[in-house]
Amino acid sequence: MASVGPLPRRIVKETQRLIAEPVAGISATPYQDNLRYFAVAIEGPTDSPYERGVFQLELFLPSDYPMAPPKVRFLTKIYHPNVDKLGRICLDILKDKWSPALQIRTVLLSIQALLSAPNPDDPLDNNVAEVWKSNEPEALRRAREFTESFAMKPNAAETAKGP
């Protein structure tokens, strides 16, 4: 699917900056056939249950970007109160707190921060949020289990388990 018409300068500039100055633990690569679509990989933050995982996401810039927020979702299964089973993300800057002053980079950093600090009081997955609030150690265990099952290369998970 080719993009319709020339890309706005802002998208070109943001894309060039993302590639020239990558954010630690995040890669965002535009699809060759549609430069409004990005393949995103976010490394799970250290000291979180997502540590050592690499999560695949897709990011799409709608035609009214930057007046409207990008559409972002997880492709990798994740156990998180702010991400539902379809990978949709509950994050204020992707909804009512969006501002055209924000950029793709800001959005990706915010998603990475959400992995470090889940917010069970503003959930998208109520079941996960309930576990998070009532039994946090169990929620963290499940989040680590999902990370090992879905976000780690098989050899990394095997090495981590040891003998």
N, C-alpha and C. Protein backbone atom coordinates (compact mmCIF):
# COMPACT_ATOMS: atom_id res chain seq x y z
N MET A 1 0.84 -1.18 0.00
CA MET A 1 0.00 0.00 0.00
C MET A 1 0.89 1.25 0.00
N ALA A 2 0.91 1.98 -1.05
CA ALA A 2 1.77 3.17 -1.13
C ALA A 2 1.10 4.34 -0.41
N SER A 3 1.93 5.25 0.13
CA SER A 3 1.32 6.40 0.79
C SER A 3 0.79 7.35 -0.28
N VAL A 4 -0.28 8.04 0.08
CA VAL A 4 -0.96 8.92 -0.86
C VAL A 4 -0.31 10.31 -0.79
N GLY A 5 0.23 10.77 -1.91
CA GLY A 5 0.84 12.10 -1.96
C GLY A 5 2.13 12.16 -1.18
N PRO A 6 2.79 13.32 -1.24
CA PRO A 6 4.06 13.47 -0.53
C PRO A 6 3.85 13.50 0.98
N LEU A 7 4.84 13.02 1.70
CA LEU A 7 4.76 13.04 3.16
C LEU A 7 4.95 14.46 3.66
N PRO A 8 4.20 14.85 4.68
CA PRO A 8 4.45 16.16 5.26
C PRO A 8 5.89 16.26 5.77
N ARG A 9 6.46 17.45 5.67
CA ARG A 9 7.85 17.66 6.11
C ARG A 9 8.09 17.21 7.53
N ARG A 10 7.12 17.44 8.38
CA ARG A 10 7.29 17.08 9.79
C ARG A 10 7.55 15.58 9.95
N ILE A 11 6.80 14.76 9.22
CA ILE A 11 6.99 13.31 9.33
C ILE A 11 8.38 12.93 8.81
N VAL A 12 8.79 13.54 7.71
CA VAL A 12 10.12 13.27 7.15
C VAL A 12 11.19 13.63 8.19
N LYS A 13 11.07 14.82 8.80
CA LYS A 13 12.06 15.27 9.79
C LYS A 13 12.08 14.35 11.02
N GLU A 14 10.90 13.98 11.53
CA GLU A 14 10.84 13.10 12.71
C GLU A 14 11.46 11.74 12.40
N THR A 15 11.15 11.22 11.22
CA THR A 15 11.68 9.92 10.82
C THR A 15 13.21 9.99 10.71
N GLN A 16 13.72 11.04 10.07
CA GLN A 16 15.18 11.18 9.94
C GLN A 16 15.84 11.26 11.32
N ARG A 17 15.22 12.00 12.25
CA ARG A 17 15.79 12.14 13.59
C ARG A 17 15.76 10.81 14.35
N LEU A 18 14.66 10.05 14.22
CA LEU A 18 14.55 8.75 14.88
C LEU A 18 15.67 7.81 14.42
N ILE A 19 15.98 7.87 13.14
CA ILE A 19 17.01 6.99 12.58
C ILE A 19 18.41 7.51 12.93
N ALA A 20 18.61 8.83 12.84
CA ALA A 20 19.93 9.42 13.11
C ALA A 20 20.26 9.44 14.60
N GLU A 21 19.26 9.65 15.44
CA GLU A 21 19.48 9.72 16.89
C GLU A 21 18.54 8.76 17.59
N PRO A 22 18.84 7.46 17.50
CA PRO A 22 17.91 6.49 18.09
C PRO A 22 17.82 6.66 19.62
N VAL A 23 16.68 6.28 20.15
CA VAL A 23 16.45 6.32 21.59
C VAL A 23 16.93 4.99 22.17
N ALA A 24 17.61 5.03 23.30
CA ALA A 24 18.12 3.80 23.92
C ALA A 24 16.98 2.82 24.17
N GLY A 25 17.16 1.59 23.69
CA GLY A 25 16.17 0.55 23.93
C GLY A 25 14.95 0.59 23.02
N ILE A 26 14.97 1.49 22.03
CA ILE A 26 13.82 1.63 21.13
C ILE A 26 14.30 1.72 19.69
N SER A 27 13.69 0.95 18.79
CA SER A 27 13.95 1.17 17.37
C SER A 27 12.62 1.36 16.67
N ALA A 28 12.59 2.28 15.73
CA ALA A 28 11.38 2.56 14.95
C ALA A 28 11.81 2.70 13.50
N THR A 29 11.35 1.78 12.67
CA THR A 29 11.75 1.76 11.27
C THR A 29 10.52 1.91 10.39
N PRO A 30 10.51 2.91 9.52
CA PRO A 30 9.34 3.05 8.63
C PRO A 30 9.30 1.92 7.60
N TYR A 31 8.10 1.49 7.26
CA TYR A 31 7.93 0.51 6.19
C TYR A 31 8.33 1.19 4.88
N GLN A 32 8.99 0.46 4.01
CA GLN A 32 9.43 1.04 2.73
C GLN A 32 8.24 1.45 1.86
N ASP A 33 7.17 0.67 1.89
CA ASP A 33 6.05 0.93 0.98
C ASP A 33 5.02 1.91 1.57
N ASN A 34 5.14 2.26 2.85
CA ASN A 34 4.24 3.25 3.44
C ASN A 34 4.95 3.90 4.62
N LEU A 35 5.47 5.09 4.40
CA LEU A 35 6.32 5.74 5.41
C LEU A 35 5.52 6.28 6.59
N ARG A 36 4.21 6.07 6.60
CA ARG A 36 3.41 6.43 7.77
C ARG A 36 3.32 5.25 8.76
N TYR A 37 3.75 4.07 8.33
CA TYR A 37 3.74 2.88 9.18
C TYR A 37 5.15 2.61 9.67
N PHE A 38 5.27 2.31 10.96
CA PHE A 38 6.58 2.01 11.54
C PHE A 38 6.54 0.66 12.24
N ALA A 39 7.61 -0.11 12.05
CA ALA A 39 7.83 -1.30 12.85
C ALA A 39 8.66 -0.84 14.05
N VAL A 40 8.13 -1.09 15.24
CA VAL A 40 8.77 -0.60 16.46
C VAL A 40 9.17 -1.79 17.33
N ALA A 41 10.35 -1.70 17.94
CA ALA A 41 10.79 -2.69 18.93
C ALA A 41 11.21 -1.91 20.18
N ILE A 42 10.64 -2.29 21.32
CA ILE A 42 10.98 -1.66 22.59
C ILE A 42 11.52 -2.73 23.52
N GLU A 43 12.72 -2.48 24.06
CA GLU A 43 13.30 -3.41 25.03
C GLU A 43 12.64 -3.17 26.38
N GLY A 44 12.33 -4.27 27.06
CA GLY A 44 11.76 -4.15 28.40
C GLY A 44 12.76 -3.45 29.33
N PRO A 45 12.29 -2.48 30.11
CA PRO A 45 13.19 -1.73 30.99
C PRO A 45 13.81 -2.61 32.08
N THR A 46 15.04 -2.26 32.45
CA THR A 46 15.73 -2.94 33.54
C THR A 46 14.91 -2.78 34.82
N ASP A 47 14.99 -3.77 35.69
CA ASP A 47 14.25 -3.75 36.96
C ASP A 47 12.74 -3.69 36.79
N SER A 48 12.25 -4.22 35.68
CA SER A 48 10.80 -4.36 35.49
C SER A 48 10.57 -5.83 35.14
N PRO A 49 9.32 -6.30 35.25
CA PRO A 49 9.06 -7.70 34.87
C PRO A 49 9.24 -7.95 33.37
N TYR A 50 9.45 -6.88 32.61
CA TYR A 50 9.62 -6.98 31.16
C TYR A 50 11.08 -6.97 30.75
N GLU A 51 11.98 -6.94 31.74
CA GLU A 51 13.42 -6.89 31.49
C GLU A 51 13.84 -8.06 30.60
N ARG A 52 14.74 -7.79 29.67
CA ARG A 52 15.29 -8.76 28.71
C ARG A 52 14.32 -9.15 27.60
N GLY A 53 13.08 -8.63 27.65
CA GLY A 53 12.14 -8.90 26.58
C GLY A 53 12.28 -7.82 25.51
N VAL A 54 11.94 -8.17 24.28
CA VAL A 54 11.88 -7.19 23.20
C VAL A 54 10.47 -7.26 22.64
N PHE A 55 9.75 -6.15 22.75
CA PHE A 55 8.35 -6.10 22.38
C PHE A 55 8.18 -5.42 21.03
N GLN A 56 7.46 -6.10 20.13
CA GLN A 56 7.19 -5.56 18.80
C GLN A 56 5.88 -4.79 18.85
N LEU A 57 5.90 -3.61 18.25
CA LEU A 57 4.70 -2.78 18.16
C LEU A 57 4.56 -2.28 16.74
N GLU A 58 3.37 -1.79 16.42
CA GLU A 58 3.20 -1.09 15.15
C GLU A 58 2.71 0.31 15.47
N LEU A 59 3.19 1.26 14.69
CA LEU A 59 2.80 2.65 14.88
C LEU A 59 2.38 3.18 13.52
N PHE A 60 1.24 3.85 13.49
CA PHE A 60 0.71 4.42 12.25
C PHE A 60 0.40 5.89 12.47
N LEU A 61 0.84 6.72 11.53
CA LEU A 61 0.55 8.16 11.59
C LEU A 61 -0.66 8.44 10.70
N PRO A 62 -1.80 8.79 11.30
CA PRO A 62 -2.99 9.06 10.48
C PRO A 62 -2.79 10.30 9.62
N SER A 63 -3.66 10.50 8.64
CA SER A 63 -3.50 11.62 7.71
C SER A 63 -3.55 12.97 8.42
N ASP A 64 -4.22 13.05 9.58
CA ASP A 64 -4.31 14.34 10.28
C ASP A 64 -3.21 14.51 11.35
N TYR A 65 -2.21 13.60 11.35
CA TYR A 65 -1.05 13.78 12.24
C TYR A 65 -0.29 15.03 11.79
N PRO A 66 0.16 15.91 12.63
CA PRO A 66 0.27 15.82 14.09
C PRO A 66 -0.91 16.39 14.87
N MET A 67 -2.01 16.75 14.19
CA MET A 67 -3.17 17.26 14.93
C MET A 67 -3.84 16.12 15.71
N ALA A 68 -3.68 14.90 15.23
CA ALA A 68 -4.22 13.71 15.92
C ALA A 68 -3.04 12.82 16.30
N PRO A 69 -3.20 12.05 17.39
CA PRO A 69 -2.09 11.20 17.84
C PRO A 69 -1.84 10.02 16.91
N PRO A 70 -0.64 9.47 16.96
CA PRO A 70 -0.38 8.24 16.21
C PRO A 70 -1.21 7.10 16.79
N LYS A 71 -1.44 6.10 15.99
CA LYS A 71 -2.11 4.87 16.46
C LYS A 71 -0.99 3.87 16.73
N VAL A 72 -0.96 3.34 17.95
CA VAL A 72 0.11 2.42 18.33
C VAL A 72 -0.50 1.22 19.01
N ARG A 73 0.03 0.03 18.72
CA ARG A 73 -0.41 -1.15 19.46
C ARG A 73 0.72 -2.17 19.55
N PHE A 74 0.65 -2.97 20.61
CA PHE A 74 1.60 -4.06 20.82
C PHE A 74 1.24 -5.20 19.89
N LEU A 75 2.23 -5.77 19.23
CA LEU A 75 2.04 -7.00 18.45
C LEU A 75 2.47 -8.19 19.30
N THR A 76 3.40 -7.96 20.22
CA THR A 76 3.85 -9.00 21.14
C THR A 76 2.86 -9.08 22.29
N LYS A 77 2.45 -10.31 22.67
CA LYS A 77 1.54 -10.46 23.80
C LYS A 77 2.26 -9.98 25.06
N ILE A 78 1.53 -9.26 25.92
CA ILE A 78 2.12 -8.70 27.13
C ILE A 78 1.07 -8.74 28.24
N TYR A 79 1.53 -9.01 29.46
CA TYR A 79 0.65 -9.00 30.62
C TYR A 79 0.85 -7.67 31.31
N HIS A 80 -0.10 -6.75 31.08
CA HIS A 80 0.06 -5.37 31.55
C HIS A 80 -1.34 -4.77 31.72
N PRO A 81 -1.60 -4.07 32.82
CA PRO A 81 -2.96 -3.55 33.03
C PRO A 81 -3.38 -2.48 32.03
N ASN A 82 -2.42 -1.85 31.36
CA ASN A 82 -2.75 -0.76 30.43
C ASN A 82 -2.69 -1.18 28.97
N VAL A 83 -2.60 -2.51 28.72
CA VAL A 83 -2.58 -3.03 27.35
C VAL A 83 -3.61 -4.17 27.29
N ASP A 84 -4.52 -4.11 26.32
CA ASP A 84 -5.52 -5.18 26.24
C ASP A 84 -5.04 -6.33 25.35
N LYS A 85 -5.89 -7.34 25.23
CA LYS A 85 -5.50 -8.55 24.48
C LYS A 85 -5.25 -8.27 23.00
N LEU A 86 -5.80 -7.16 22.48
CA LEU A 86 -5.57 -6.80 21.08
C LEU A 86 -4.32 -5.94 20.92
N GLY A 87 -3.65 -5.64 22.04
CA GLY A 87 -2.43 -4.84 21.98
C GLY A 87 -2.66 -3.34 22.07
N ARG A 88 -3.93 -2.94 22.21
CA ARG A 88 -4.21 -1.51 22.35
C ARG A 88 -3.66 -1.00 23.67
N ILE A 89 -3.26 0.27 23.68
CA ILE A 89 -2.57 0.84 24.84
C ILE A 89 -3.40 1.96 25.43
N CYS A 90 -3.57 1.93 26.75
CA CYS A 90 -4.24 3.02 27.46
C CYS A 90 -3.16 3.97 27.97
N LEU A 91 -3.01 5.07 27.25
CA LEU A 91 -2.00 6.06 27.59
C LEU A 91 -2.59 7.42 27.25
N ASP A 92 -2.61 8.33 28.23
CA ASP A 92 -3.29 9.62 28.04
C ASP A 92 -2.83 10.38 26.81
N ILE A 93 -1.52 10.35 26.49
CA ILE A 93 -1.06 11.14 25.34
C ILE A 93 -1.47 10.51 24.00
N LEU A 94 -1.99 9.29 24.03
CA LEU A 94 -2.51 8.70 22.79
C LEU A 94 -4.00 9.02 22.64
N LYS A 95 -4.55 9.69 23.65
CA LYS A 95 -5.98 10.02 23.62
C LYS A 95 -6.17 11.51 23.90
N ASP A 96 -6.77 11.85 25.04
CA ASP A 96 -7.16 13.24 25.32
C ASP A 96 -6.01 14.18 25.67
N LYS A 97 -4.84 13.66 26.03
CA LYS A 97 -3.72 14.53 26.38
C LYS A 97 -2.74 14.71 25.21
N TRP A 98 -3.15 14.30 24.02
CA TRP A 98 -2.30 14.47 22.84
C TRP A 98 -2.14 15.96 22.54
N SER A 99 -0.95 16.34 22.10
CA SER A 99 -0.69 17.70 21.66
C SER A 99 0.19 17.61 20.42
N PRO A 100 -0.04 18.49 19.43
CA PRO A 100 0.81 18.48 18.24
C PRO A 100 2.29 18.78 18.56
N ALA A 101 2.56 19.29 19.76
CA ALA A 101 3.95 19.52 20.16
C ALA A 101 4.68 18.21 20.45
N LEU A 102 3.92 17.14 20.70
CA LEU A 102 4.53 15.83 20.97
C LEU A 102 4.98 15.20 19.65
N GLN A 103 5.88 14.23 19.75
CA GLN A 103 6.41 13.57 18.55
C GLN A 103 6.38 12.06 18.72
N ILE A 104 6.70 11.35 17.65
CA ILE A 104 6.79 9.89 17.68
C ILE A 104 7.72 9.48 18.82
N ARG A 105 8.87 10.15 18.91
CA ARG A 105 9.87 9.86 19.94
C ARG A 105 9.26 9.94 21.34
N THR A 106 8.47 11.00 21.61
CA THR A 106 7.83 11.19 22.92
C THR A 106 6.88 10.03 23.22
N VAL A 107 6.10 9.64 22.21
CA VAL A 107 5.14 8.55 22.37
C VAL A 107 5.87 7.27 22.74
N LEU A 108 6.95 6.95 22.01
CA LEU A 108 7.68 5.70 22.27
C LEU A 108 8.33 5.72 23.65
N LEU A 109 8.87 6.85 24.05
CA LEU A 109 9.46 6.97 25.40
C LEU A 109 8.38 6.80 26.47
N SER A 110 7.20 7.32 26.22
CA SER A 110 6.09 7.18 27.18
C SER A 110 5.64 5.73 27.30
N ILE A 111 5.62 5.01 26.18
CA ILE A 111 5.24 3.59 26.23
C ILE A 111 6.31 2.81 26.99
N GLN A 112 7.58 3.13 26.74
CA GLN A 112 8.67 2.48 27.48
C GLN A 112 8.53 2.75 28.98
N ALA A 113 8.19 3.99 29.34
CA ALA A 113 8.01 4.35 30.75
C ALA A 113 6.82 3.59 31.36
N LEU A 114 5.77 3.37 30.56
CA LEU A 114 4.60 2.64 31.04
C LEU A 114 4.97 1.19 31.40
N LEU A 115 5.97 0.64 30.71
CA LEU A 115 6.44 -0.71 31.05
C LEU A 115 7.12 -0.71 32.43
N SER A 116 7.77 0.39 32.78
CA SER A 116 8.42 0.50 34.09
C SER A 116 7.42 0.78 35.20
N ALA A 117 6.33 1.46 34.85
CA ALA A 117 5.37 1.89 35.87
C ALA A 117 3.93 1.66 35.40
N PRO A 118 3.46 0.39 35.44
CA PRO A 118 2.07 0.12 35.06
C PRO A 118 1.12 0.90 35.96
N ASN A 119 -0.02 1.28 35.40
CA ASN A 119 -1.00 2.05 36.16
C ASN A 119 -2.31 1.27 36.25
N PRO A 120 -2.45 0.41 37.28
CA PRO A 120 -3.66 -0.41 37.39
C PRO A 120 -4.91 0.42 37.74
N ASP A 121 -4.74 1.70 38.10
CA ASP A 121 -5.89 2.54 38.41
C ASP A 121 -6.54 3.14 37.15
N ASP A 122 -5.89 2.99 36.00
CA ASP A 122 -6.44 3.46 34.73
C ASP A 122 -6.26 2.33 33.71
N PRO A 123 -6.93 1.19 33.97
CA PRO A 123 -6.62 0.00 33.17
C PRO A 123 -7.35 -0.06 31.84
N LEU A 124 -6.78 -0.87 30.94
CA LEU A 124 -7.48 -1.23 29.71
C LEU A 124 -7.90 -2.70 29.84
N ASP A 125 -7.13 -3.46 30.63
CA ASP A 125 -7.47 -4.85 30.92
C ASP A 125 -7.80 -4.95 32.41
N ASN A 126 -9.10 -4.96 32.72
CA ASN A 126 -9.54 -4.95 34.11
C ASN A 126 -9.09 -6.18 34.90
N ASN A 127 -9.06 -7.35 34.25
CA ASN A 127 -8.63 -8.56 34.95
C ASN A 127 -7.19 -8.45 35.42
N VAL A 128 -6.32 -7.99 34.53
CA VAL A 128 -4.90 -7.82 34.88
C VAL A 128 -4.78 -6.77 35.99
N ALA A 129 -5.54 -5.69 35.87
CA ALA A 129 -5.48 -4.61 36.87
C ALA A 129 -5.90 -5.12 38.24
N GLU A 130 -6.94 -5.96 38.28
CA GLU A 130 -7.39 -6.51 39.56
C GLU A 130 -6.30 -7.33 40.23
N VAL A 131 -5.63 -8.18 39.44
CA VAL A 131 -4.53 -8.98 39.99
C VAL A 131 -3.42 -8.03 40.47
N TRP A 132 -3.12 -7.02 39.67
CA TRP A 132 -2.06 -6.07 40.00
C TRP A 132 -2.35 -5.39 41.34
N LYS A 133 -3.64 -5.04 41.57
CA LYS A 133 -4.00 -4.32 42.80
C LYS A 133 -4.12 -5.26 44.00
N SER A 134 -4.63 -6.48 43.77
CA SER A 134 -4.90 -7.38 44.89
C SER A 134 -3.71 -8.27 45.25
N ASN A 135 -2.85 -8.57 44.25
CA ASN A 135 -1.73 -9.47 44.51
C ASN A 135 -0.59 -9.11 43.56
N GLU A 136 0.11 -8.02 43.86
CA GLU A 136 1.15 -7.52 42.96
C GLU A 136 2.24 -8.55 42.68
N PRO A 137 2.71 -9.32 43.70
CA PRO A 137 3.74 -10.33 43.38
C PRO A 137 3.28 -11.33 42.32
N GLU A 138 2.02 -11.73 42.36
CA GLU A 138 1.47 -12.64 41.35
C GLU A 138 1.41 -11.96 39.98
N ALA A 139 1.01 -10.69 39.95
CA ALA A 139 0.96 -9.94 38.68
C ALA A 139 2.35 -9.84 38.09
N LEU A 140 3.34 -9.54 38.91
CA LEU A 140 4.72 -9.43 38.42
C LEU A 140 5.22 -10.77 37.90
N ARG A 141 4.85 -11.87 38.60
CA ARG A 141 5.24 -13.20 38.15
C ARG A 141 4.64 -13.50 36.77
N ARG A 142 3.36 -13.20 36.62
CA ARG A 142 2.69 -13.44 35.32
C ARG A 142 3.31 -12.57 34.23
N ALA A 143 3.62 -11.32 34.55
CA ALA A 143 4.22 -10.42 33.56
C ALA A 143 5.58 -10.98 33.12
N ARG A 144 6.37 -11.48 34.07
CA ARG A 144 7.68 -12.09 33.72
C ARG A 144 7.48 -13.33 32.86
N GLU A 145 6.47 -14.14 33.22
CA GLU A 145 6.17 -15.36 32.47
C GLU A 145 5.79 -15.02 31.02
N PHE A 146 4.92 -14.04 30.82
CA PHE A 146 4.54 -13.61 29.47
C PHE A 146 5.77 -13.10 28.72
N THR A 147 6.61 -12.32 29.41
CA THR A 147 7.81 -11.78 28.78
C THR A 147 8.69 -12.92 28.29
N GLU A 148 8.91 -13.93 29.16
CA GLU A 148 9.74 -15.08 28.76
C GLU A 148 9.11 -15.84 27.61
N SER A 149 7.79 -16.01 27.65
CA SER A 149 7.12 -16.81 26.61
C SER A 149 7.01 -16.10 25.27
N PHE A 150 6.77 -14.78 25.29
CA PHE A 150 6.42 -14.09 24.05
C PHE A 150 7.42 -13.04 23.58
N ALA A 151 8.27 -12.53 24.48
CA ALA A 151 9.12 -11.40 24.10
C ALA A 151 10.61 -11.73 24.10
N MET A 152 10.95 -12.98 24.41
CA MET A 152 12.37 -13.34 24.40
C MET A 152 12.63 -14.36 23.32
N LYS A 153 13.81 -14.26 22.74
CA LYS A 153 14.21 -15.30 21.78
C LYS A 153 14.36 -16.59 22.59
N PRO A 154 13.97 -17.72 22.03
CA PRO A 154 14.00 -18.98 22.79
C PRO A 154 15.34 -19.26 23.48
N ASN A 155 16.46 -19.01 22.78
CA ASN A 155 17.74 -19.31 23.40
C ASN A 155 18.01 -18.43 24.62
N ALA A 156 17.55 -17.17 24.60
CA ALA A 156 17.76 -16.27 25.74
C ALA A 156 16.97 -16.78 26.95
N ALA A 157 15.75 -17.26 26.71
CA ALA A 157 14.93 -17.76 27.82
C ALA A 157 15.56 -19.03 28.40
N GLU A 158 16.08 -19.88 27.53
CA GLU A 158 16.71 -21.12 28.02
C GLU A 158 17.95 -20.82 28.84
N THR A 159 18.75 -19.88 28.36
CA THR A 159 19.97 -19.49 29.07
C THR A 159 19.62 -18.93 30.43
N ALA A 160 18.53 -18.15 30.49
CA ALA A 160 18.13 -17.51 31.75
C ALA A 160 17.72 -18.55 32.79
N LYS A 161 17.11 -19.65 32.33
CA LYS A 161 16.64 -20.68 33.27
C LYS A 161 17.82 -21.44 33.89
N GLY A 162 18.88 -21.61 33.13
CA GLY A 162 20.06 -22.32 33.63
C GLY A 162 19.80 -23.81 33.75
N PRO A 163 20.71 -24.51 34.45
CA PRO A 163 20.58 -25.99 34.53
C PRO A 163 19.43 -26.43 35.40
